[in-house]
């Protein structure tokens, strides 16, 4: 099984406002506004820099949290990625290699 890859959705139209580590994103085509947690914002920022593999995203987010918060981080990363995908800001893709 190939690892899951994520990238910013090409042509995604949105407006983003940040407060501390959280953000609110207005998605232009759907006219919907979404609150994005600090984890979701960090994931979106990371993916916006270039495509990422799920495992590297988990490792990157694990480095950002304190030891006591690490127990559920993998599940939280996957849930945040699903939310970002649902509102059409990111997408999964097959690696060509």
PDB file of N, CA and C in Angstrom:
ATOM      1  N   UNK A   1       0.839  -1.185   0.000  1.00  0.00           N
ATOM      2  CA  UNK A   1       0.000   0.000   0.000  1.00  0.00           C
ATOM      3  C   UNK A   1       0.885   1.251   0.000  1.00  0.00           C
ATOM      4  N   UNK A   2       0.593   2.162  -0.904  1.00  0.00           N
ATOM      5  CA  UNK A   2       1.367   3.397  -0.992  1.00  0.00           C
ATOM      6  C   UNK A   2       0.955   4.360   0.112  1.00  0.00           C
ATOM      7  N   UNK A   3       1.914   5.168   0.576  1.00  0.00           N
ATOM      8  CA  UNK A   3       1.559   6.161   1.601  1.00  0.00           C
ATOM      9  C   UNK A   3       0.604   7.214   1.031  1.00  0.00           C
ATOM     10  N   UNK A   4      -0.216   7.768   1.898  1.00  0.00           N
ATOM     11  CA  UNK A   4      -1.169   8.796   1.497  1.00  0.00           C
ATOM     12  C   UNK A   4      -0.449  10.132   1.357  1.00  0.00           C
ATOM     13  N   UNK A   5      -0.677  10.808   0.249  1.00  0.00           N
ATOM     14  CA  UNK A   5      -0.064  12.105  -0.034  1.00  0.00           C
ATOM     15  C   UNK A   5      -1.127  13.200  -0.005  1.00  0.00           C
ATOM     16  N   UNK A   6      -0.739  14.373   0.466  1.00  0.00           N
ATOM     17  CA  UNK A   6      -1.631  15.534   0.519  1.00  0.00           C
ATOM     18  C   UNK A   6      -0.984  16.718  -0.169  1.00  0.00           C
ATOM     19  N   UNK A   7      -1.819  17.537  -0.807  1.00  0.00           N
ATOM     20  CA  UNK A   7      -1.355  18.785  -1.404  1.00  0.00           C
ATOM     21  C   UNK A   7      -2.477  19.809  -1.341  1.00  0.00           C
ATOM     22  N   UNK A   8      -2.096  21.062  -1.510  1.00  0.00           N
ATOM     23  CA  UNK A   8      -3.102  22.121  -1.595  1.00  0.00           C
ATOM     24  C   UNK A   8      -3.940  21.861  -2.836  1.00  0.00           C
ATOM     25  N   UNK A   9      -5.199  22.135  -2.717  1.00  0.00           N
ATOM     26  CA  UNK A   9      -6.093  21.941  -3.868  1.00  0.00           C
ATOM     27  C   UNK A   9      -5.792  23.018  -4.904  1.00  0.00           C
ATOM     28  N   UNK A  10      -5.420  22.614  -6.122  1.00  0.00           N
ATOM     29  CA  UNK A  10      -5.120  23.605  -7.161  1.00  0.00           C
ATOM     30  C   UNK A  10      -6.327  24.510  -7.429  1.00  0.00           C
ATOM     31  N   UNK A  11      -6.076  25.793  -7.463  1.00  0.00           N
ATOM     32  CA  UNK A  11      -7.133  26.749  -7.760  1.00  0.00           C
ATOM     33  C   UNK A  11      -8.095  27.021  -6.624  1.00  0.00           C
ATOM     34  N   UNK A  12      -7.777  26.544  -5.429  1.00  0.00           N
ATOM     35  CA  UNK A  12      -8.662  26.787  -4.285  1.00  0.00           C
ATOM     36  C   UNK A  12      -8.764  28.286  -4.022  1.00  0.00           C
ATOM     37  N   UNK A  13      -9.984  28.785  -3.938  1.00  0.00           N
ATOM     38  CA  UNK A  13     -10.211  30.201  -3.668  1.00  0.00           C
ATOM     39  C   UNK A  13     -10.713  30.349  -2.242  1.00  0.00           C
ATOM     40  N   UNK A  14      -9.963  31.084  -1.430  1.00  0.00           N
ATOM     41  CA  UNK A  14     -10.341  31.249  -0.041  1.00  0.00           C
ATOM     42  C   UNK A  14      -9.725  32.523   0.524  1.00  0.00           C
ATOM     43  N   UNK A  15     -10.292  32.966   1.621  1.00  0.00           N
ATOM     44  CA  UNK A  15      -9.746  34.077   2.403  1.00  0.00           C
ATOM     45  C   UNK A  15      -9.473  33.524   3.787  1.00  0.00           C
ATOM     46  N   UNK A  16      -8.349  33.903   4.357  1.00  0.00           N
ATOM     47  CA  UNK A  16      -7.973  33.373   5.673  1.00  0.00           C
ATOM     48  C   UNK A  16      -7.639  34.506   6.618  1.00  0.00           C
ATOM     49  N   UNK A  17      -8.149  34.406   7.832  1.00  0.00           N
ATOM     50  CA  UNK A  17      -7.809  35.337   8.913  1.00  0.00           C
ATOM     51  C   UNK A  17      -7.306  34.513  10.073  1.00  0.00           C
ATOM     52  N   UNK A  18      -6.235  34.976  10.700  1.00  0.00           N
ATOM     53  CA  UNK A  18      -5.627  34.231  11.806  1.00  0.00           C
ATOM     54  C   UNK A  18      -5.779  34.983  13.118  1.00  0.00           C
ATOM     55  N   UNK A  19      -6.010  34.207  14.165  1.00  0.00           N
ATOM     56  CA  UNK A  19      -6.011  34.712  15.531  1.00  0.00           C
ATOM     57  C   UNK A  19      -5.147  33.755  16.328  1.00  0.00           C
ATOM     58  N   UNK A  20      -4.026  34.259  16.809  1.00  0.00           N
ATOM     59  CA  UNK A  20      -3.045  33.406  17.480  1.00  0.00           C
ATOM     60  C   UNK A  20      -2.704  32.249  16.543  1.00  0.00           C
ATOM     61  N   UNK A  21      -2.963  31.020  16.964  1.00  0.00           N
ATOM     62  CA  UNK A  21      -2.629  29.861  16.129  1.00  0.00           C
ATOM     63  C   UNK A  21      -3.828  29.317  15.356  1.00  0.00           C
ATOM     64  N   UNK A  22      -5.030  29.814  15.659  1.00  0.00           N
ATOM     65  CA  UNK A  22      -6.243  29.352  14.980  1.00  0.00           C
ATOM     66  C   UNK A  22      -6.514  30.237  13.764  1.00  0.00           C
ATOM     67  N   UNK A  23      -7.451  29.805  12.937  1.00  0.00           N
ATOM     68  CA  UNK A  23      -7.817  30.634  11.795  1.00  0.00           C
ATOM     69  C   UNK A  23      -9.286  30.427  11.435  1.00  0.00           C
ATOM     70  N   UNK A  24      -9.790  31.364  10.668  1.00  0.00           N
ATOM     71  CA  UNK A  24     -11.111  31.264  10.077  1.00  0.00           C
ATOM     72  C   UNK A  24     -10.896  31.379   8.574  1.00  0.00           C
ATOM     73  N   UNK A  25     -11.493  30.452   7.845  1.00  0.00           N
ATOM     74  CA  UNK A  25     -11.311  30.420   6.396  1.00  0.00           C
ATOM     75  C   UNK A  25     -12.671  30.537   5.721  1.00  0.00           C
ATOM     76  N   UNK A  26     -12.758  31.490   4.810  1.00  0.00           N
ATOM     77  CA  UNK A  26     -13.950  31.654   3.982  1.00  0.00           C
ATOM     78  C   UNK A  26     -13.630  31.030   2.629  1.00  0.00           C
ATOM     79  N   UNK A  27     -14.385  30.000   2.244  1.00  0.00           N
ATOM     80  CA  UNK A  27     -14.182  29.311   0.979  1.00  0.00           C
ATOM     81  C   UNK A  27     -15.113  29.962  -0.043  1.00  0.00           C
ATOM     82  N   UNK A  28     -14.532  30.620  -1.030  1.00  0.00           N
ATOM     83  CA  UNK A  28     -15.289  31.438  -1.972  1.00  0.00           C
ATOM     84  C   UNK A  28     -16.345  30.640  -2.743  1.00  0.00           C
ATOM     85  N   UNK A  29     -16.006  29.519  -3.402  1.00  0.00           N
ATOM     86  CA  UNK A  29     -17.023  28.828  -4.203  1.00  0.00           C
ATOM     87  C   UNK A  29     -18.246  28.367  -3.398  1.00  0.00           C
ATOM     88  N   UNK A  30     -18.021  27.885  -2.179  1.00  0.00           N
ATOM     89  CA  UNK A  30     -19.142  27.373  -1.393  1.00  0.00           C
ATOM     90  C   UNK A  30     -19.801  28.453  -0.541  1.00  0.00           C
ATOM     91  N   UNK A  31     -19.140  29.610  -0.413  1.00  0.00           N
ATOM     92  CA  UNK A  31     -19.606  30.710   0.434  1.00  0.00           C
ATOM     93  C   UNK A  31     -19.741  30.279   1.900  1.00  0.00           C
ATOM     94  N   UNK A  32     -18.901  29.346   2.316  1.00  0.00           N
ATOM     95  CA  UNK A  32     -18.932  28.853   3.689  1.00  0.00           C
ATOM     96  C   UNK A  32     -17.727  29.369   4.463  1.00  0.00           C
ATOM     97  N   UNK A  33     -17.937  29.613   5.742  1.00  0.00           N
ATOM     98  CA  UNK A  33     -16.875  30.040   6.644  1.00  0.00           C
ATOM     99  C   UNK A  33     -16.612  28.908   7.624  1.00  0.00           C
ATOM    100  N   UNK A  34     -15.335  28.614   7.852  1.00  0.00           N
ATOM    101  CA  UNK A  34     -14.953  27.501   8.706  1.00  0.00           C
ATOM    102  C   UNK A  34     -13.919  27.947   9.732  1.00  0.00           C
ATOM    103  N   UNK A  35     -14.121  27.548  10.985  1.00  0.00           N
ATOM    104  CA  UNK A  35     -13.098  27.720  12.012  1.00  0.00           C
ATOM    105  C   UNK A  35     -12.102  26.581  11.839  1.00  0.00           C
ATOM    106  N   UNK A  36     -10.818  26.903  11.844  1.00  0.00           N
ATOM    107  CA  UNK A  36      -9.776  25.886  11.720  1.00  0.00           C
ATOM    108  C   UNK A  36      -8.896  25.975  12.963  1.00  0.00           C
ATOM    109  N   UNK A  37      -8.777  24.867  13.665  1.00  0.00           N
ATOM    110  CA  UNK A  37      -7.992  24.805  14.896  1.00  0.00           C
ATOM    111  C   UNK A  37      -6.516  25.093  14.633  1.00  0.00           C
ATOM    112  N   UNK A  38      -5.769  25.244  15.700  1.00  0.00           N
ATOM    113  CA  UNK A  38      -4.335  25.483  15.552  1.00  0.00           C
ATOM    114  C   UNK A  38      -3.665  24.308  14.837  1.00  0.00           C
ATOM    115  N   UNK A  39      -4.094  23.086  15.122  1.00  0.00           N
ATOM    116  CA  UNK A  39      -3.534  21.918  14.432  1.00  0.00           C
ATOM    117  C   UNK A  39      -3.872  21.954  12.946  1.00  0.00           C
ATOM    118  N   UNK A  40      -5.134  22.223  12.615  1.00  0.00           N
ATOM    119  CA  UNK A  40      -5.543  22.310  11.216  1.00  0.00           C
ATOM    120  C   UNK A  40      -4.811  23.420  10.479  1.00  0.00           C
ATOM    121  N   UNK A  41      -4.613  24.550  11.153  1.00  0.00           N
ATOM    122  CA  UNK A  41      -3.891  25.674  10.547  1.00  0.00           C
ATOM    123  C   UNK A  41      -2.436  25.291  10.292  1.00  0.00           C
ATOM    124  N   UNK A  42      -1.807  24.623  11.258  1.00  0.00           N
ATOM    125  CA  UNK A  42      -0.416  24.193  11.084  1.00  0.00           C
ATOM    126  C   UNK A  42      -0.289  23.178   9.944  1.00  0.00           C
ATOM    127  N   UNK A  43      -1.237  22.264   9.845  1.00  0.00           N
ATOM    128  CA  UNK A  43      -1.220  21.295   8.754  1.00  0.00           C
ATOM    129  C   UNK A  43      -1.408  21.990   7.402  1.00  0.00           C
ATOM    130  N   UNK A  44      -2.361  22.901   7.340  1.00  0.00           N
ATOM    131  CA  UNK A  44      -2.608  23.634   6.094  1.00  0.00           C
ATOM    132  C   UNK A  44      -1.363  24.421   5.676  1.00  0.00           C
ATOM    133  N   UNK A  45      -0.722  25.081   6.639  1.00  0.00           N
ATOM    134  CA  UNK A  45       0.505  25.827   6.335  1.00  0.00           C
ATOM    135  C   UNK A  45       1.591  24.904   5.796  1.00  0.00           C
ATOM    136  N   UNK A  46       1.748  23.755   6.417  1.00  0.00           N
ATOM    137  CA  UNK A  46       2.773  22.805   5.994  1.00  0.00           C
ATOM    138  C   UNK A  46       2.505  22.292   4.583  1.00  0.00           C
ATOM    139  N   UNK A  47       1.268  21.919   4.319  1.00  0.00           N
ATOM    140  CA  UNK A  47       0.905  21.400   3.002  1.00  0.00           C
ATOM    141  C   UNK A  47       0.998  22.503   1.947  1.00  0.00           C
ATOM    142  N   UNK A  48       0.735  23.735   2.328  1.00  0.00           N
ATOM    143  CA  UNK A  48       0.825  24.853   1.382  1.00  0.00           C
ATOM    144  C   UNK A  48       2.256  25.071   0.900  1.00  0.00           C
ATOM    145  N   UNK A  49       3.227  24.637   1.701  1.00  0.00           N
ATOM    146  CA  UNK A  49       4.637  24.752   1.306  1.00  0.00           C
ATOM    147  C   UNK A  49       5.014  23.728   0.244  1.00  0.00           C
ATOM    148  N   UNK A  50       4.234  22.675   0.112  1.00  0.00           N
ATOM    149  CA  UNK A  50       4.499  21.630  -0.871  1.00  0.00           C
ATOM    150  C   UNK A  50       3.848  20.334  -0.443  1.00  0.00           C
ATOM    151  N   UNK A  51       3.646  19.404  -1.371  1.00  0.00           N
ATOM    152  CA  UNK A  51       2.993  18.135  -1.053  1.00  0.00           C
ATOM    153  C   UNK A  51       3.705  17.406   0.086  1.00  0.00           C
ATOM    154  N   UNK A  52       2.918  16.714   0.893  1.00  0.00           N
ATOM    155  CA  UNK A  52       3.455  15.994   2.044  1.00  0.00           C
ATOM    156  C   UNK A  52       2.826  14.610   2.149  1.00  0.00           C
ATOM    157  N   UNK A  53       3.580  13.692   2.720  1.00  0.00           N
ATOM    158  CA  UNK A  53       3.117  12.338   3.001  1.00  0.00           C
ATOM    159  C   UNK A  53       2.524  12.336   4.413  1.00  0.00           C
ATOM    160  N   UNK A  54       1.483  11.558   4.618  1.00  0.00           N
ATOM    161  CA  UNK A  54       0.793  11.514   5.901  1.00  0.00           C
ATOM    162  C   UNK A  54       1.753  11.296   7.065  1.00  0.00           C
ATOM    163  N   UNK A  55       2.657  10.348   6.946  1.00  0.00           N
ATOM    164  CA  UNK A  55       3.564  10.047   8.053  1.00  0.00           C
ATOM    165  C   UNK A  55       4.473  11.220   8.383  1.00  0.00           C
ATOM    166  N   UNK A  56       4.911  11.965   7.380  1.00  0.00           N
ATOM    167  CA  UNK A  56       5.773  13.125   7.662  1.00  0.00           C
ATOM    168  C   UNK A  56       4.966  14.243   8.324  1.00  0.00           C
ATOM    169  N   UNK A  57       3.697  14.376   7.962  1.00  0.00           N
ATOM    170  CA  UNK A  57       2.835  15.365   8.619  1.00  0.00           C
ATOM    171  C   UNK A  57       2.621  15.003  10.084  1.00  0.00           C
ATOM    172  N   UNK A  58       2.392  13.721  10.352  1.00  0.00           N
ATOM    173  CA  UNK A  58       2.227  13.282  11.735  1.00  0.00           C
ATOM    174  C   UNK A  58       3.488  13.566  12.547  1.00  0.00           C
ATOM    175  N   UNK A  59       4.642  13.252  11.983  1.00  0.00           N
ATOM    176  CA  UNK A  59       5.908  13.482  12.685  1.00  0.00           C
ATOM    177  C   UNK A  59       6.132  14.972  12.929  1.00  0.00           C
ATOM    178  N   UNK A  60       5.828  15.794  11.937  1.00  0.00           N
ATOM    179  CA  UNK A  60       5.987  17.244  12.066  1.00  0.00           C
ATOM    180  C   UNK A  60       5.093  17.806  13.170  1.00  0.00           C
ATOM    181  N   UNK A  61       3.850  17.346  13.230  1.00  0.00           N
ATOM    182  CA  UNK A  61       2.925  17.833  14.247  1.00  0.00           C
ATOM    183  C   UNK A  61       3.302  17.285  15.633  1.00  0.00           C
ATOM    184  N   UNK A  62       3.825  16.081  15.678  1.00  0.00           N
ATOM    185  CA  UNK A  62       4.266  15.502  16.946  1.00  0.00           C
ATOM    186  C   UNK A  62       5.387  16.339  17.562  1.00  0.00           C
ATOM    187  N   UNK A  63       6.250  16.878  16.706  1.00  0.00           N
ATOM    188  CA  UNK A  63       7.340  17.739  17.182  1.00  0.00           C
ATOM    189  C   UNK A  63       6.825  19.052  17.771  1.00  0.00           C
ATOM    190  N   UNK A  64       5.615  19.456  17.400  1.00  0.00           N
ATOM    191  CA  UNK A  64       5.057  20.738  17.843  1.00  0.00           C
ATOM    192  C   UNK A  64       4.319  20.668  19.169  1.00  0.00           C
ATOM    193  N   UNK A  65       3.948  19.475  19.605  1.00  0.00           N
ATOM    194  CA  UNK A  65       3.140  19.364  20.814  1.00  0.00           C
ATOM    195  C   UNK A  65       3.978  18.935  22.011  1.00  0.00           C
ATOM    196  N   UNK A  66       3.471  19.235  23.181  1.00  0.00           N
ATOM    197  CA  UNK A  66       4.146  18.849  24.414  1.00  0.00           C
ATOM    198  C   UNK A  66       3.917  17.370  24.693  1.00  0.00           C
ATOM    199  N   UNK A  67       4.784  16.795  25.495  1.00  0.00           N
ATOM    200  CA  UNK A  67       4.757  15.352  25.761  1.00  0.00           C
ATOM    201  C   UNK A  67       3.385  14.864  26.222  1.00  0.00           C
ATOM    202  N   UNK A  68       2.702  15.591  27.080  1.00  0.00           N
ATOM    203  CA  UNK A  68       1.408  15.169  27.592  1.00  0.00           C
ATOM    204  C   UNK A  68       0.300  15.154  26.563  1.00  0.00           C
ATOM    205  N   UNK A  69       0.494  15.842  25.443  1.00  0.00           N
ATOM    206  CA  UNK A  69      -0.534  15.932  24.406  1.00  0.00           C
ATOM    207  C   UNK A  69      -0.310  14.936  23.272  1.00  0.00           C
ATOM    208  N   UNK A  70       0.704  14.116  23.359  1.00  0.00           N
ATOM    209  CA  UNK A  70       1.101  13.260  22.237  1.00  0.00           C
ATOM    210  C   UNK A  70       0.248  12.014  22.057  1.00  0.00           C
ATOM    211  N   UNK A  71      -0.539  11.648  23.044  1.00  0.00           N
ATOM    212  CA  UNK A  71      -1.267  10.384  22.984  1.00  0.00           C
ATOM    213  C   UNK A  71      -2.213  10.294  21.794  1.00  0.00           C
ATOM    214  N   UNK A  72      -2.951  11.341  21.522  1.00  0.00           N
ATOM    215  CA  UNK A  72      -3.971  11.296  20.471  1.00  0.00           C
ATOM    216  C   UNK A  72      -3.580  12.059  19.215  1.00  0.00           C
ATOM    217  N   UNK A  73      -2.344  12.501  19.110  1.00  0.00           N
ATOM    218  CA  UNK A  73      -1.977  13.393  18.009  1.00  0.00           C
ATOM    219  C   UNK A  73      -2.166  12.738  16.638  1.00  0.00           C
ATOM    220  N   UNK A  74      -1.879  11.450  16.505  1.00  0.00           N
ATOM    221  CA  UNK A  74      -2.036  10.813  15.194  1.00  0.00           C
ATOM    222  C   UNK A  74      -3.487  10.831  14.742  1.00  0.00           C
ATOM    223  N   UNK A  75      -4.404  10.498  15.628  1.00  0.00           N
ATOM    224  CA  UNK A  75      -5.828  10.526  15.284  1.00  0.00           C
ATOM    225  C   UNK A  75      -6.290  11.953  15.026  1.00  0.00           C
ATOM    226  N   UNK A  76      -5.785  12.900  15.800  1.00  0.00           N
ATOM    227  CA  UNK A  76      -6.166  14.302  15.615  1.00  0.00           C
ATOM    228  C   UNK A  76      -5.660  14.837  14.277  1.00  0.00           C
ATOM    229  N   UNK A  77      -4.453  14.439  13.877  1.00  0.00           N
ATOM    230  CA  UNK A  77      -3.916  14.858  12.576  1.00  0.00           C
ATOM    231  C   UNK A  77      -4.804  14.327  11.461  1.00  0.00           C
ATOM    232  N   UNK A  78      -5.159  13.056  11.529  1.00  0.00           N
ATOM    233  CA  UNK A  78      -6.005  12.477  10.482  1.00  0.00           C
ATOM    234  C   UNK A  78      -7.371  13.153  10.435  1.00  0.00           C
ATOM    235  N   UNK A  79      -7.948  13.452  11.583  1.00  0.00           N
ATOM    236  CA  UNK A  79      -9.252  14.127  11.626  1.00  0.00           C
ATOM    237  C   UNK A  79      -9.148  15.536  11.049  1.00  0.00           C
ATOM    238  N   UNK A  80      -8.086  16.255  11.385  1.00  0.00           N
ATOM    239  CA  UNK A  80      -7.901  17.620  10.864  1.00  0.00           C
ATOM    240  C   UNK A  80      -7.698  17.593   9.350  1.00  0.00           C
ATOM    241  N   UNK A  81      -6.948  16.619   8.856  1.00  0.00           N
ATOM    242  CA  UNK A  81      -6.750  16.494   7.408  1.00  0.00           C
ATOM    243  C   UNK A  81      -8.061  16.193   6.696  1.00  0.00           C
ATOM    244  N   UNK A  82      -8.887  15.337   7.287  1.00  0.00           N
ATOM    245  CA  UNK A  82     -10.195  15.031   6.701  1.00  0.00           C
ATOM    246  C   UNK A  82     -11.058  16.287   6.641  1.00  0.00           C
ATOM    247  N   UNK A  83     -10.988  17.109   7.689  1.00  0.00           N
ATOM    248  CA  UNK A  83     -11.765  18.355   7.702  1.00  0.00           C
ATOM    249  C   UNK A  83     -11.291  19.307   6.618  1.00  0.00           C
ATOM    250  N   UNK A  84      -9.976  19.451   6.468  1.00  0.00           N
ATOM    251  CA  UNK A  84      -9.431  20.337   5.429  1.00  0.00           C
ATOM    252  C   UNK A  84      -9.791  19.833   4.037  1.00  0.00           C
ATOM    253  N   UNK A  85      -9.807  18.515   3.880  1.00  0.00           N
ATOM    254  CA  UNK A  85     -10.191  17.937   2.588  1.00  0.00           C
ATOM    255  C   UNK A  85     -11.682  18.137   2.323  1.00  0.00           C
ATOM    256  N   UNK A  86     -12.487  17.988   3.350  1.00  0.00           N
ATOM    257  CA  UNK A  86     -13.945  18.141   3.211  1.00  0.00           C
ATOM    258  C   UNK A  86     -14.317  19.554   2.754  1.00  0.00           C
ATOM    259  N   UNK A  87     -13.593  20.565   3.255  1.00  0.00           N
ATOM    260  CA  UNK A  87     -13.908  21.938   2.843  1.00  0.00           C
ATOM    261  C   UNK A  87     -13.128  22.346   1.603  1.00  0.00           C
ATOM    262  N   UNK A  88     -12.479  21.374   0.964  1.00  0.00           N
ATOM    263  CA  UNK A  88     -11.837  21.505  -0.342  1.00  0.00           C
ATOM    264  C   UNK A  88     -10.648  22.458  -0.361  1.00  0.00           C
ATOM    265  N   UNK A  89      -9.862  22.447   0.713  1.00  0.00           N
ATOM    266  CA  UNK A  89      -8.627  23.236   0.730  1.00  0.00           C
ATOM    267  C   UNK A  89      -7.420  22.388   0.391  1.00  0.00           C
ATOM    268  N   UNK A  90      -7.497  21.083   0.662  1.00  0.00           N
ATOM    269  CA  UNK A  90      -6.428  20.156   0.321  1.00  0.00           C
ATOM    270  C   UNK A  90      -7.040  18.945  -0.369  1.00  0.00           C
ATOM    271  N   UNK A  91      -6.179  18.127  -0.962  1.00  0.00           N
ATOM    272  CA  UNK A  91      -6.643  16.898  -1.579  1.00  0.00           C
ATOM    273  C   UNK A  91      -5.578  15.833  -1.460  1.00  0.00           C
ATOM    274  N   UNK A  92      -6.001  14.580  -1.552  1.00  0.00           N
ATOM    275  CA  UNK A  92      -5.056  13.477  -1.588  1.00  0.00           C
ATOM    276  C   UNK A  92      -4.732  13.171  -3.046  1.00  0.00           C
ATOM    277  N   UNK A  93      -3.577  12.570  -3.251  1.00  0.00           N
ATOM    278  CA  UNK A  93      -3.212  12.192  -4.616  1.00  0.00           C
ATOM    279  C   UNK A  93      -2.292  10.982  -4.570  1.00  0.00           C
ATOM    280  N   UNK A  94      -2.212  10.306  -5.699  1.00  0.00           N
ATOM    281  CA  UNK A  94      -1.329   9.143  -5.844  1.00  0.00           C
ATOM    282  C   UNK A  94       0.040   9.650  -6.266  1.00  0.00           C
ATOM    283  N   UNK A  95       1.066   9.112  -5.649  1.00  0.00           N
ATOM    284  CA  UNK A  95       2.426   9.447  -6.036  1.00  0.00           C
ATOM    285  C   UNK A  95       2.721   8.743  -7.369  1.00  0.00           C
ATOM    286  N   UNK A  96       3.319   9.480  -8.289  1.00  0.00           N
ATOM    287  CA  UNK A  96       3.604   8.943  -9.619  1.00  0.00           C
ATOM    288  C   UNK A  96       4.816   8.010  -9.618  1.00  0.00           C
ATOM    289  N   UNK A  97       5.536   7.944  -8.516  1.00  0.00           N
ATOM    290  CA  UNK A  97       6.770   7.132  -8.503  1.00  0.00           C
ATOM    291  C   UNK A  97       6.552   5.786  -7.901  1.00  0.00           C
TER     292      UNK A  97
END
